[in-house]
């Protein structure tokens, strides 16, 4: 059976069973958002596309810098245990835990464009978070350009 796909911002994303696009269920103008039906967390995507000018060559160091800036600007604490992945896309990810929230952040690039993906869930539901995080990793790993 084929898994469903969603398309936005020039990306194609494969969804595991039970995950749906909930963007239109959120008030205001949220970034594209996915969630597991009956789940506890949300996975949001923000994509910056190269438009014009000198073509960027975004590398792993640039992604690491973006992660540190993201954590600092949101007062998430120190970036520890940053994970790097080199494949069709370069990516870094890191986790942040407060008294109330668990947050995993990914930055991905094809060397021209950058995607920021965040998974946010309540710490009180930490047991459910582990299962959703496995799915979130699968979703992020499925990112393809259209």
Protein backbone atom coordinates (compact mmCIF):
# COMPACT_ATOMS: atom_id res chain seq x y z
CA UNK A 1 0.00 0.00 0.00
CA UNK A 2 1.35 3.43 -0.95
CA UNK A 3 1.80 5.90 1.85
CA UNK A 4 0.12 9.28 1.35
CA UNK A 5 2.19 12.29 0.32
CA UNK A 6 1.74 15.99 0.94
CA UNK A 7 3.21 18.73 -1.22
CA UNK A 8 4.10 22.28 -0.22
CA UNK A 9 6.87 24.82 -0.79
CA UNK A 10 8.26 22.71 -3.62
CA UNK A 11 8.63 19.65 -1.37
CA UNK A 12 7.07 16.22 -1.43
CA UNK A 13 6.75 14.48 1.92
CA UNK A 14 5.69 10.89 2.57
CA UNK A 15 3.44 10.44 5.60
CA UNK A 16 3.38 7.37 7.84
CA UNK A 17 -0.03 5.95 8.63
CA UNK A 18 -2.10 8.22 10.86
CA UNK A 19 -0.23 11.43 10.04
CA UNK A 20 -2.16 14.25 8.40
CA UNK A 21 -1.76 17.85 7.30
CA UNK A 22 -3.36 19.98 10.05
CA UNK A 23 -2.21 23.38 8.79
CA UNK A 24 -5.76 24.57 8.14
CA UNK A 25 -6.86 23.56 11.64
CA UNK A 26 -4.49 26.09 13.25
CA UNK A 27 -5.61 29.71 13.62
CA UNK A 28 -3.71 32.45 11.82
CA UNK A 29 -1.13 31.77 9.15
CA UNK A 30 0.96 28.87 10.51
CA UNK A 31 3.70 27.20 8.50
CA UNK A 32 2.76 23.83 6.98
CA UNK A 33 2.04 21.56 9.94
CA UNK A 34 1.65 17.79 10.23
CA UNK A 35 0.41 15.82 13.23
CA UNK A 36 -0.52 12.27 14.09
CA UNK A 37 -4.25 11.82 14.51
CA UNK A 38 -4.88 11.64 18.24
CA UNK A 39 -1.20 12.38 18.85
CA UNK A 40 0.52 14.84 21.12
CA UNK A 41 3.03 16.72 18.96
CA UNK A 42 3.22 18.77 15.79
CA UNK A 43 5.77 18.86 12.99
CA UNK A 44 6.17 22.24 11.26
CA UNK A 45 8.07 23.14 8.09
CA UNK A 46 9.54 26.47 7.01
CA UNK A 47 11.34 26.55 3.67
CA UNK A 48 13.66 29.26 2.38
CA UNK A 49 14.16 29.03 -1.39
CA UNK A 50 17.03 30.57 -3.31
CA UNK A 51 15.55 33.34 -5.46
CA UNK A 52 18.31 35.33 -7.13
CA UNK A 53 21.76 36.82 -6.77
CA UNK A 54 24.94 34.95 -6.05
CA UNK A 55 24.05 31.31 -5.68
CA UNK A 56 24.67 30.14 -2.11
CA UNK A 57 26.63 27.03 -1.27
CA UNK A 58 25.20 26.15 2.12
CA UNK A 59 27.34 23.58 3.89
CA UNK A 60 27.27 21.66 7.16
CA UNK A 61 28.97 24.51 9.04
CA UNK A 62 26.25 26.93 7.90
CA UNK A 63 23.56 24.51 9.14
CA UNK A 64 25.33 24.22 12.49
CA UNK A 65 25.47 28.00 12.74
CA UNK A 66 21.74 28.23 11.97
CA UNK A 67 21.02 25.70 14.73
CA UNK A 68 23.00 27.72 17.28
CA UNK A 69 21.27 30.95 16.21
CA UNK A 70 17.83 29.28 16.42
CA UNK A 71 18.51 27.95 19.92
CA UNK A 72 19.92 31.26 21.11
CA UNK A 73 17.16 33.44 19.68
CA UNK A 74 14.48 31.26 21.31
CA UNK A 75 16.36 30.76 24.57
CA UNK A 76 16.28 26.98 24.20
CA UNK A 77 19.62 26.46 25.92
CA UNK A 78 22.89 25.06 24.67
CA UNK A 79 23.00 22.97 21.52
CA UNK A 80 24.26 19.58 22.65
CA UNK A 81 24.45 16.25 20.85
CA UNK A 82 23.91 17.77 17.42
CA UNK A 83 23.42 15.02 14.85
CA UNK A 84 24.67 15.39 11.28
CA UNK A 85 23.49 13.49 8.23
CA UNK A 86 24.99 13.61 4.77
CA UNK A 87 22.94 12.20 1.92
CA UNK A 88 20.84 13.73 -0.85
CA UNK A 89 20.38 16.57 1.62
CA UNK A 90 22.73 17.73 4.34
CA UNK A 91 21.07 18.01 7.73
CA UNK A 92 21.67 18.71 11.38
CA UNK A 93 19.26 18.06 14.23
CA UNK A 94 19.24 18.69 17.95
CA UNK A 95 16.86 18.22 20.89
CA UNK A 96 15.82 20.73 23.52
CA UNK A 97 13.85 19.89 26.66
CA UNK A 98 12.29 22.33 29.09
CA UNK A 99 9.97 21.74 32.02
CA UNK A 100 7.02 21.85 29.63
CA UNK A 101 8.15 21.03 26.08
CA UNK A 102 10.26 18.65 24.08
CA UNK A 103 11.54 20.16 20.82
CA UNK A 104 13.55 18.54 18.04
CA UNK A 105 14.90 20.89 15.40
CA UNK A 106 16.24 19.98 11.98
CA UNK A 107 17.96 22.18 9.41
CA UNK A 108 18.29 20.66 5.94
CA UNK A 109 19.80 21.92 2.69
CA UNK A 110 20.44 20.94 -0.90
CA UNK A 111 23.21 23.63 -0.80
CA UNK A 112 20.87 26.28 -2.31
CA UNK A 113 17.70 26.12 -0.22
CA UNK A 114 17.16 25.62 3.51
CA UNK A 115 14.34 23.90 5.38
CA UNK A 116 13.71 24.33 9.09
CA UNK A 117 11.62 21.56 10.60
CA UNK A 118 10.49 21.49 14.23
CA UNK A 119 8.71 18.83 16.23
CA UNK A 120 7.15 20.13 19.45
CA UNK A 121 5.34 18.12 22.11
CA UNK A 122 4.45 18.42 25.78
CA UNK A 123 6.94 16.80 28.15
CA UNK A 124 4.09 15.35 30.20
CA UNK A 125 3.33 13.10 27.22
CA UNK A 126 6.96 11.96 26.82
CA UNK A 127 6.03 8.28 26.37
CA UNK A 128 3.98 9.15 23.27
CA UNK A 129 6.72 11.46 22.03
CA UNK A 130 9.18 8.58 21.45
CA UNK A 131 6.86 6.89 18.95
CA UNK A 132 6.01 10.14 17.22
CA UNK A 133 9.70 11.04 16.99
CA UNK A 134 10.39 7.84 15.07
CA UNK A 135 7.67 8.84 12.62
CA UNK A 136 8.95 12.42 12.50
CA UNK A 137 12.44 11.16 11.58
CA UNK A 138 10.88 9.07 8.80
CA UNK A 139 8.91 12.08 7.55
CA UNK A 140 11.95 14.37 7.56
CA UNK A 141 13.96 11.64 5.85
CA UNK A 142 11.33 11.43 3.10
CA UNK A 143 11.73 15.08 2.00
CA UNK A 144 12.08 15.33 -1.76
CA UNK A 145 12.05 18.26 -4.12
CA UNK A 146 9.25 18.41 -6.68
